[in-house]
Amino acid sequence: MSQIREIIEGWANVIKDQFDAVDPVTKQVSKRRLELCNGCPLRQGNVCSPHIWGYDIISGDKKVGCGCNISAKTLSPSSRCPLSKW
């Protein structure tokens, strides 16, 4: 159920962002997250690809991308990177 909440939260903020109505703190966090995503091997366009793997920077475990839209995921304060980068 928490994943559904995160998805709704992220997409709601994407819509709010179109009207410049996203909380400034959330917007700043999203920008930092996007900077980290830009160089990530899991990124395919604007998707965290579930077909590509990388290593969790904390555990060292091999993991695949979550399949989320990166713009929406980074705007969801409760979401986490599958590789623990944020």
C-alpha atoms as a PDB file:
ATOM      1  CA  MET A   1       0.000   0.000   0.000  1.00  0.00           C
ATOM      2  CA  SER A   2       2.890   2.407   0.680  1.00  0.00           C
ATOM      3  CA  GLN A   3       4.098   2.080  -2.936  1.00  0.00           C
ATOM      4  CA  ILE A   4       0.689   3.183  -4.194  1.00  0.00           C
ATOM      5  CA  ARG A   5       0.811   6.173  -1.851  1.00  0.00           C
ATOM      6  CA  GLU A   6       4.305   7.063  -3.122  1.00  0.00           C
ATOM      7  CA  ILE A   7       3.167   6.851  -6.755  1.00  0.00           C
ATOM      8  CA  ILE A   8       0.134   9.057  -6.107  1.00  0.00           C
ATOM      9  CA  GLU A   9       2.256  11.509  -4.114  1.00  0.00           C
ATOM     10  CA  GLY A  10       4.837  11.743  -6.908  1.00  0.00           C
ATOM     11  CA  TRP A  11       2.331  12.219  -9.726  1.00  0.00           C
ATOM     12  CA  ALA A  12       0.333  14.753  -7.689  1.00  0.00           C
ATOM     13  CA  ASN A  13       3.539  16.751  -7.278  1.00  0.00           C
ATOM     14  CA  VAL A  14       4.283  16.468 -11.010  1.00  0.00           C
ATOM     15  CA  ILE A  15       0.899  18.107 -11.659  1.00  0.00           C
ATOM     16  CA  LYS A  16       1.491  20.729  -8.955  1.00  0.00           C
ATOM     17  CA  ASP A  17       4.897  21.453 -10.508  1.00  0.00           C
ATOM     18  CA  GLN A  18       3.164  22.409 -13.763  1.00  0.00           C
ATOM     19  CA  PHE A  19       1.516  25.237 -11.806  1.00  0.00           C
ATOM     20  CA  ASP A  20       4.634  26.088  -9.765  1.00  0.00           C
ATOM     21  CA  ALA A  21       2.790  24.887  -6.644  1.00  0.00           C
ATOM     22  CA  VAL A  22       5.204  22.270  -5.281  1.00  0.00           C
ATOM     23  CA  ASP A  23       6.497  22.878  -1.780  1.00  0.00           C
ATOM     24  CA  PRO A  24       9.941  24.556  -2.141  1.00  0.00           C
ATOM     25  CA  VAL A  25      11.637  21.973   0.085  1.00  0.00           C
ATOM     26  CA  THR A  26      10.206  19.096  -1.969  1.00  0.00           C
ATOM     27  CA  LYS A  27      11.306  20.831  -5.175  1.00  0.00           C
ATOM     28  CA  GLN A  28      14.867  21.274  -3.854  1.00  0.00           C
ATOM     29  CA  VAL A  29      15.047  17.623  -2.735  1.00  0.00           C
ATOM     30  CA  SER A  30      13.794  16.563  -6.161  1.00  0.00           C
ATOM     31  CA  LYS A  31      16.513  18.590  -7.902  1.00  0.00           C
ATOM     32  CA  ARG A  32      19.242  16.929  -5.813  1.00  0.00           C
ATOM     33  CA  ARG A  33      17.747  13.510  -6.493  1.00  0.00           C
ATOM     34  CA  LEU A  34      17.555  14.186 -10.238  1.00  0.00           C
ATOM     35  CA  GLU A  35      21.234  15.134 -10.269  1.00  0.00           C
ATOM     36  CA  LEU A  36      22.065  11.724  -8.808  1.00  0.00           C
ATOM     37  CA  CYS A  37      19.708   9.968 -11.234  1.00  0.00           C
ATOM     38  CA  ASN A  38      21.290  11.659 -14.249  1.00  0.00           C
ATOM     39  CA  GLY A  39      24.463   9.592 -13.943  1.00  0.00           C
ATOM     40  CA  CYS A  40      22.795   6.363 -12.823  1.00  0.00           C
ATOM     41  CA  PRO A  41      23.213   3.198 -14.924  1.00  0.00           C
ATOM     42  CA  LEU A  42      19.580   2.226 -14.200  1.00  0.00           C
ATOM     43  CA  ARG A  43      18.220   5.320 -15.932  1.00  0.00           C
ATOM     44  CA  GLN A  44      16.716   4.765 -19.384  1.00  0.00           C
ATOM     45  CA  GLY A  45      15.200   8.014 -20.558  1.00  0.00           C
ATOM     46  CA  ASN A  46      12.906   9.070 -17.719  1.00  0.00           C
ATOM     47  CA  VAL A  47      12.483   5.564 -16.274  1.00  0.00           C
ATOM     48  CA  CYS A  48      14.387   3.672 -13.586  1.00  0.00           C
ATOM     49  CA  SER A  49      14.640   0.565 -15.745  1.00  0.00           C
ATOM     50  CA  PRO A  50      13.600  -2.781 -14.252  1.00  0.00           C
ATOM     51  CA  HIS A  51      15.678  -4.437 -17.008  1.00  0.00           C
ATOM     52  CA  ILE A  52      19.033  -3.018 -15.887  1.00  0.00           C
ATOM     53  CA  TRP A  53      20.889  -3.858 -12.698  1.00  0.00           C
ATOM     54  CA  GLY A  54      23.288  -2.018 -10.456  1.00  0.00           C
ATOM     55  CA  TYR A  55      24.708  -2.320  -6.949  1.00  0.00           C
ATOM     56  CA  ASP A  56      23.159  -0.865  -3.809  1.00  0.00           C
ATOM     57  CA  ILE A  57      25.671   1.645  -2.448  1.00  0.00           C
ATOM     58  CA  ILE A  58      24.969   0.614   1.150  1.00  0.00           C
ATOM     59  CA  SER A  59      24.521  -3.170   1.058  1.00  0.00           C
ATOM     60  CA  GLY A  60      26.430  -3.937  -2.135  1.00  0.00           C
ATOM     61  CA  ASP A  61      23.534  -6.150  -3.248  1.00  0.00           C
ATOM     62  CA  LYS A  62      22.800  -6.452  -6.941  1.00  0.00           C
ATOM     63  CA  LYS A  63      19.411  -4.827  -7.704  1.00  0.00           C
ATOM     64  CA  VAL A  64      17.293  -3.867 -10.683  1.00  0.00           C
ATOM     65  CA  GLY A  65      15.506  -0.577 -11.238  1.00  0.00           C
ATOM     66  CA  CYS A  66      12.015  -0.079  -9.873  1.00  0.00           C
ATOM     67  CA  GLY A  67      10.337   0.801 -13.175  1.00  0.00           C
ATOM     68  CA  CYS A  68       9.169   4.193 -11.908  1.00  0.00           C
ATOM     69  CA  ASN A  69       8.964   7.432 -13.830  1.00  0.00           C
ATOM     70  CA  ILE A  70      11.969   9.330 -12.473  1.00  0.00           C
ATOM     71  CA  SER A  71      10.342  12.767 -12.569  1.00  0.00           C
ATOM     72  CA  ALA A  72       7.447  11.542 -10.413  1.00  0.00           C
ATOM     73  CA  LYS A  73       9.573   9.403  -8.099  1.00  0.00           C
ATOM     74  CA  THR A  74      11.982  12.217  -7.264  1.00  0.00           C
ATOM     75  CA  LEU A  75       9.023  14.467  -6.385  1.00  0.00           C
ATOM     76  CA  SER A  76       7.720  11.910  -3.874  1.00  0.00           C
ATOM     77  CA  PRO A  77       9.411  12.702  -0.540  1.00  0.00           C
ATOM     78  CA  SER A  78       8.617   9.249   0.853  1.00  0.00           C
ATOM     79  CA  SER A  79      10.162   7.369  -2.104  1.00  0.00           C
ATOM     80  CA  ARG A  80      13.645   5.861  -2.049  1.00  0.00           C
ATOM     81  CA  CYS A  81      16.181   5.007  -4.732  1.00  0.00           C
ATOM     82  CA  PRO A  82      16.514   1.253  -5.372  1.00  0.00           C
ATOM     83  CA  LEU A  83      20.298   1.643  -5.156  1.00  0.00           C
ATOM     84  CA  SER A  84      20.117   3.691  -1.911  1.00  0.00           C
ATOM     85  CA  LYS A  85      21.609   6.769  -3.556  1.00  0.00           C
ATOM     86  CA  TRP A  86      18.865   8.887  -1.949  1.00  0.00           C
END
